[in-house]
Amino acid sequence: MNENIVDIDESNAAALLIEESHRRPVLVDFWADWCGPCKSLMPVLEKLANEYQGAFLLAKVNADEQGMIAQQFGVRSLPTVVVMQGGQPVDGFVGAQPEAQLRELLEKYLPKPWDALLEQGRELMAAGDFGAALGLLRPAWEDSNHRHDITLAYAHALIESNRLDDADQVLSTVLMADQDADWEQLVAQLKVKREAGKSPEIEALEQQLEADPGNHDVRAQLAVVCTNAGYYREALEHLITVLRQDVNHADGATKKALLDTIATLGKGDPLAAEYQRKLYSLLY
């Protein structure tokens, strides 16, 4: 027995069936020793409780010994399984069910993996670490099939990281019917960021490069400044442009700058993957 599988009696029923269901779903399994289907169902429920590691509580009620509790739940046949959430029974079934059907039932009430990523991402953003937040919000956005609240959080982190083109692309995926006040606020923030423009240092280097497009040293210097300012796509494009002309530019420092910038973006970032491919094709 473990903390995710409990036996219920009148002394703990209120705490574990009602109060606990406000914290996580509780699967209440009504069973009896004489019930054959109960004995085939219970091991499957226990296996799932162990596998999900506390995402839900399996509460086992011996209906013969705890007749009052079974009566309160209106149990008329065994096995009966009831899903408790928020202090209320919200779902359930009678009779033994295959494992696939049990998983399907659980999935409706268990938190999704991207919910945890969203929460952690928001905590990182609150702490000002938008780069780390992106590493969590990107997979959450993709895996949740672009769920609205995750889309907005991801776009916010992109804007704060100066990934303005990427933020624009993410915000453009929001359907017109879902373009609420929060979406409009992010669109406005994106516009302000664009209008704020680049630093005088970046503008000065861009002017130098415009006057002398073949100056690899200036282009590489501009890339470093762009990276520091969070303009990653522009930085990577400048670096790969130099490497296409001189793969060992600055005794390999430019190649290292490209790799460092890719590493800064983090594993799984589409922009990082794009320039990893470009570098690979250049080298091999």
Protein backbone atom coordinates (compact mmCIF):
# COMPACT_ATOMS: atom_id res chain seq x y z
CA MET A 1 0.00 0.00 0.00
CA ASN A 2 1.24 3.53 -0.69
CA GLU A 3 0.05 7.12 -0.35
CA ASN A 4 -1.68 6.96 -3.73
CA ILE A 5 -3.76 3.87 -2.85
CA VAL A 6 -5.83 3.95 0.34
CA ASP A 7 -8.52 1.90 2.08
CA ILE A 8 -11.57 3.92 3.04
CA ASP A 9 -13.66 3.67 6.18
CA GLU A 10 -15.90 6.13 8.01
CA SER A 11 -12.94 7.66 9.86
CA ASN A 12 -11.17 8.88 6.71
CA ALA A 13 -13.97 9.05 4.11
CA ALA A 14 -14.59 12.81 4.40
CA ALA A 15 -10.88 13.69 4.23
CA LEU A 16 -9.93 11.33 1.40
CA LEU A 17 -13.07 11.26 -0.75
CA ILE A 18 -14.23 14.87 -0.41
CA GLU A 19 -11.36 17.11 0.73
CA GLU A 20 -8.65 15.32 -1.28
CA SER A 21 -10.75 15.58 -4.46
CA HIS A 22 -10.26 19.36 -4.32
CA ARG A 23 -6.51 18.75 -4.76
CA ARG A 24 -6.54 15.90 -7.28
CA PRO A 25 -9.07 13.47 -8.81
CA VAL A 26 -10.08 10.57 -6.55
CA LEU A 27 -11.05 7.24 -8.11
CA VAL A 28 -13.34 5.43 -5.66
CA ASP A 29 -13.44 1.67 -6.21
CA PHE A 30 -16.34 -0.14 -4.49
CA TRP A 31 -15.56 -3.86 -4.23
CA ALA A 32 -16.19 -7.00 -2.19
CA ASP A 33 -14.35 -10.29 -1.55
CA TRP A 34 -17.04 -12.39 -3.23
CA CYS A 35 -17.03 -10.25 -6.42
CA GLY A 36 -15.04 -11.90 -9.26
CA PRO A 37 -14.98 -8.88 -11.61
CA CYS A 38 -13.75 -6.74 -8.67
CA LYS A 39 -10.68 -8.96 -8.40
CA SER A 40 -9.84 -8.51 -12.08
CA LEU A 41 -10.42 -4.73 -12.02
CA MET A 42 -8.53 -3.85 -8.85
CA PRO A 43 -5.01 -4.86 -10.03
CA VAL A 44 -5.44 -2.72 -13.14
CA LEU A 45 -6.53 0.28 -11.06
CA GLU A 46 -3.58 -0.24 -8.70
CA LYS A 47 -1.18 -0.47 -11.64
CA LEU A 48 -2.47 2.85 -13.01
CA ALA A 49 -2.30 4.52 -9.58
CA ASN A 50 1.37 3.52 -9.31
CA GLU A 51 2.13 4.51 -12.89
CA TYR A 52 0.58 7.97 -12.57
CA GLN A 53 2.57 8.59 -9.36
CA GLY A 54 0.05 10.58 -7.39
CA ALA A 55 -1.77 12.34 -10.20
CA PHE A 56 -4.90 10.73 -8.75
CA LEU A 57 -5.80 8.90 -5.54
CA LEU A 58 -7.20 5.37 -5.70
CA ALA A 59 -9.64 5.01 -2.79
CA LYS A 60 -10.79 1.41 -2.19
CA VAL A 61 -14.09 0.84 -0.39
CA ASN A 62 -15.08 -2.64 0.76
CA ALA A 63 -18.83 -2.37 0.16
CA ASP A 64 -19.62 -5.22 2.59
CA GLU A 65 -17.72 -3.64 5.46
CA GLN A 66 -18.55 0.01 4.60
CA GLY A 67 -22.22 -0.35 3.68
CA MET A 68 -23.08 3.17 4.84
CA ILE A 69 -20.56 4.74 2.46
CA ALA A 70 -21.70 2.52 -0.42
CA GLN A 71 -25.30 3.52 0.31
CA GLN A 72 -24.41 7.23 0.32
CA PHE A 73 -22.94 6.81 -3.17
CA GLY A 74 -25.98 4.87 -4.37
CA VAL A 75 -23.95 1.75 -5.17
CA ARG A 76 -26.20 -1.08 -6.39
CA SER A 77 -23.78 -3.33 -8.22
CA LEU A 78 -20.10 -4.28 -7.89
CA PRO A 79 -17.61 -3.27 -8.95
CA THR A 80 -18.64 0.38 -9.11
CA VAL A 81 -16.03 3.08 -9.72
CA VAL A 82 -16.79 6.75 -9.07
CA VAL A 83 -14.60 9.71 -10.07
CA MET A 84 -14.60 12.48 -7.46
CA GLN A 85 -13.41 15.99 -8.36
CA GLY A 86 -13.97 19.23 -6.49
CA GLY A 87 -15.89 17.42 -3.77
CA GLN A 88 -18.44 16.00 -6.21
CA PRO A 89 -18.89 12.74 -8.14
CA VAL A 90 -18.32 13.70 -11.79
CA ASP A 91 -18.07 10.37 -13.61
CA GLY A 92 -17.91 6.62 -13.15
CA PHE A 93 -18.89 3.18 -14.37
CA VAL A 94 -20.25 -0.19 -13.23
CA GLY A 95 -18.53 -3.50 -13.98
CA ALA A 96 -14.95 -4.37 -14.92
CA GLN A 97 -13.48 -2.26 -17.73
CA PRO A 98 -10.41 -2.83 -19.95
CA GLU A 99 -7.26 -0.83 -19.20
CA ALA A 100 -7.56 1.29 -22.36
CA GLN A 101 -11.02 2.47 -21.30
CA LEU A 102 -9.77 3.26 -17.79
CA ARG A 103 -6.95 5.38 -19.24
CA GLU A 104 -9.43 7.20 -21.43
CA LEU A 105 -11.56 7.98 -18.37
CA LEU A 106 -8.55 9.23 -16.39
CA GLU A 107 -7.27 11.44 -19.19
CA LYS A 108 -10.46 13.51 -19.00
CA TYR A 109 -9.72 14.53 -15.42
CA LEU A 110 -5.96 14.40 -14.97
CA PRO A 111 -3.82 17.51 -15.52
CA LYS A 112 -2.06 17.47 -18.87
CA PRO A 113 1.77 17.58 -19.03
CA TRP A 114 1.60 21.00 -20.67
CA ASP A 115 -0.29 22.44 -17.69
CA ALA A 116 2.79 21.88 -15.52
CA LEU A 117 5.06 23.36 -18.22
CA LEU A 118 2.81 26.43 -18.45
CA GLU A 119 2.92 26.96 -14.68
CA GLN A 120 6.71 26.60 -14.56
CA GLY A 121 7.07 28.88 -17.59
CA ARG A 122 4.97 31.57 -15.94
CA GLU A 123 7.07 31.34 -12.79
CA LEU A 124 10.24 31.84 -14.83
CA MET A 125 8.71 34.82 -16.64
CA ALA A 126 7.71 36.34 -13.31
CA ALA A 127 11.36 36.00 -12.29
CA GLY A 128 12.45 37.67 -15.54
CA ASP A 129 14.03 34.56 -17.06
CA PHE A 130 12.25 34.65 -20.41
CA GLY A 131 14.86 32.55 -22.21
CA ALA A 132 14.38 29.62 -19.83
CA ALA A 133 10.61 30.11 -20.01
CA LEU A 134 10.72 29.69 -23.79
CA GLY A 135 12.28 26.25 -23.38
CA LEU A 136 9.19 25.13 -21.45
CA LEU A 137 6.46 27.09 -23.21
CA ARG A 138 7.47 26.03 -26.73
CA PRO A 139 6.84 22.28 -26.20
CA ALA A 140 3.75 23.10 -24.14
CA TRP A 141 2.40 25.17 -27.06
CA GLU A 142 3.17 22.47 -29.61
CA ASP A 143 1.94 19.51 -27.54
CA SER A 144 -1.28 21.25 -26.48
CA ASN A 145 -2.13 21.93 -30.12
CA HIS A 146 -1.74 25.70 -29.60
CA ARG A 147 -4.08 26.04 -26.60
CA HIS A 148 -5.07 29.69 -26.23
CA ASP A 149 -3.63 30.51 -22.78
CA ILE A 150 -0.36 28.77 -23.66
CA THR A 151 -0.21 30.60 -27.00
CA LEU A 152 -0.43 33.94 -25.19
CA ALA A 153 2.21 33.00 -22.60
CA TYR A 154 4.56 31.74 -25.33
CA ALA A 155 4.06 34.89 -27.43
CA HIS A 156 4.73 37.05 -24.35
CA ALA A 157 8.02 35.24 -23.68
CA LEU A 158 9.01 35.62 -27.35
CA ILE A 159 8.29 39.37 -27.30
CA GLU A 160 10.32 39.87 -24.12
CA SER A 161 13.16 37.88 -25.72
CA ASN A 162 13.11 40.14 -28.82
CA ARG A 163 12.00 37.19 -30.96
CA LEU A 164 9.56 39.56 -32.64
CA ASP A 165 9.07 37.72 -35.93
CA ASP A 166 8.47 34.47 -34.07
CA ALA A 167 6.01 36.21 -31.71
CA ASP A 168 4.17 37.65 -34.70
CA GLN A 169 3.91 34.20 -36.24
CA VAL A 170 2.59 32.66 -33.00
CA LEU A 171 0.00 35.42 -32.48
CA SER A 172 -1.16 35.01 -36.07
CA THR A 173 -2.27 31.44 -35.29
CA VAL A 174 -5.01 32.74 -32.98
CA LEU A 175 -8.42 32.53 -34.62
CA MET A 176 -10.41 35.76 -34.92
CA ALA A 177 -13.03 34.47 -32.48
CA ASP A 178 -10.28 34.03 -29.84
CA GLN A 179 -8.61 37.42 -30.33
CA ASP A 180 -9.50 38.71 -26.87
CA ALA A 181 -8.18 41.64 -24.83
CA ASP A 182 -5.06 39.70 -23.76
CA TRP A 183 -4.25 38.92 -27.40
CA GLU A 184 -4.74 42.58 -28.37
CA GLN A 185 -2.44 43.68 -25.54
CA LEU A 186 0.34 41.39 -26.81
CA VAL A 187 -0.12 42.64 -30.38
CA ALA A 188 0.25 46.19 -29.03
CA GLN A 189 3.40 45.22 -27.07
CA LEU A 190 4.84 43.68 -30.21
CA LYS A 191 4.18 46.89 -32.15
CA VAL A 192 5.85 49.01 -29.44
CA LYS A 193 8.91 46.72 -29.44
CA ARG A 194 9.23 47.03 -33.21
CA GLU A 195 8.89 50.82 -33.13
CA ALA A 196 11.46 51.12 -30.34
CA GLY A 197 14.00 49.97 -32.89
CA LYS A 198 17.52 48.79 -32.35
CA SER A 199 20.28 50.27 -30.25
CA PRO A 200 22.58 52.97 -31.69
CA GLU A 201 25.44 50.44 -31.61
CA ILE A 202 23.54 48.00 -33.84
CA GLU A 203 22.46 50.79 -36.18
CA ALA A 204 26.04 52.06 -36.49
CA LEU A 205 27.36 48.59 -37.34
CA GLU A 206 24.55 48.06 -39.84
CA GLN A 207 25.53 51.31 -41.56
CA GLN A 208 29.18 50.19 -41.69
CA LEU A 209 28.12 46.88 -43.21
CA GLU A 210 25.88 48.59 -45.74
CA ALA A 211 28.88 50.66 -46.87
CA ASP A 212 31.12 47.57 -47.03
CA PRO A 213 29.00 44.37 -47.34
CA GLY A 214 32.07 42.16 -47.75
CA ASN A 215 33.59 43.14 -44.40
CA HIS A 216 33.34 39.86 -42.51
CA ASP A 217 34.81 41.33 -39.31
CA VAL A 218 32.08 43.98 -39.09
CA ARG A 219 29.39 41.42 -39.90
CA ALA A 220 30.66 39.06 -37.19
CA GLN A 221 30.83 41.93 -34.70
CA LEU A 222 27.27 42.92 -35.60
CA ALA A 223 26.17 39.32 -35.04
CA VAL A 224 27.58 39.33 -31.49
CA VAL A 225 25.84 42.61 -30.66
CA CYS A 226 22.57 41.29 -32.13
CA THR A 227 22.88 38.13 -30.03
CA ASN A 228 23.38 40.17 -26.87
CA ALA A 229 20.30 42.24 -27.72
CA GLY A 230 18.21 39.11 -28.37
CA TYR A 231 17.97 39.46 -32.16
CA TYR A 232 18.88 35.83 -32.64
CA ARG A 233 17.67 35.25 -36.19
CA GLU A 234 19.59 38.25 -37.52
CA ALA A 235 22.69 37.24 -35.56
CA LEU A 236 22.60 33.69 -36.89
CA GLU A 237 22.04 34.85 -40.44
CA HIS A 238 25.04 37.21 -40.24
CA LEU A 239 27.24 34.43 -38.82
CA ILE A 240 26.24 31.83 -41.40
CA THR A 241 26.81 34.44 -44.15
CA VAL A 242 30.39 34.91 -42.95
CA LEU A 243 30.99 31.16 -42.65
CA ARG A 244 29.75 30.54 -46.19
CA GLN A 245 32.59 32.77 -47.40
CA ASP A 246 35.20 31.74 -44.83
CA VAL A 247 34.39 28.68 -42.73
CA ASN A 248 37.38 29.29 -40.42
CA HIS A 249 36.87 33.04 -40.08
CA ALA A 250 38.68 34.59 -37.10
CA ASP A 251 40.48 31.30 -36.40
CA GLY A 252 37.17 29.52 -35.74
CA ALA A 253 35.75 32.20 -33.43
CA THR A 254 32.85 32.92 -35.78
CA LYS A 255 31.90 29.24 -35.98
CA LYS A 256 32.06 29.08 -32.15
CA ALA A 257 29.84 32.18 -31.93
CA LEU A 258 27.28 30.45 -34.13
CA LEU A 259 27.35 27.30 -31.99
CA ASP A 260 27.13 29.35 -28.79
CA THR A 261 24.11 31.24 -30.11
CA ILE A 262 22.40 27.97 -31.07
CA ALA A 263 23.13 26.63 -27.59
CA THR A 264 21.67 29.79 -26.03
CA LEU A 265 18.38 29.18 -27.85
CA GLY A 266 18.13 25.77 -26.25
CA LYS A 267 17.37 22.25 -27.38
CA GLY A 268 14.27 21.93 -29.51
CA ASP A 269 14.10 25.57 -30.58
CA PRO A 270 13.03 25.66 -34.26
CA LEU A 271 15.39 28.55 -34.99
CA ALA A 272 18.31 26.64 -33.46
CA ALA A 273 17.42 23.54 -35.49
CA GLU A 274 17.22 25.61 -38.69
CA TYR A 275 20.75 27.00 -38.30
CA GLN A 276 22.17 23.70 -37.08
CA ARG A 277 21.07 22.25 -40.43
CA LYS A 278 22.60 25.19 -42.31
CA LEU A 279 25.91 24.78 -40.50
CA TYR A 280 25.88 21.01 -41.02
CA SER A 281 25.28 21.39 -44.78
CA LEU A 282 28.11 23.92 -44.89
CA LEU A 283 30.58 21.65 -43.08
CA TYR A 284 29.63 18.33 -44.67
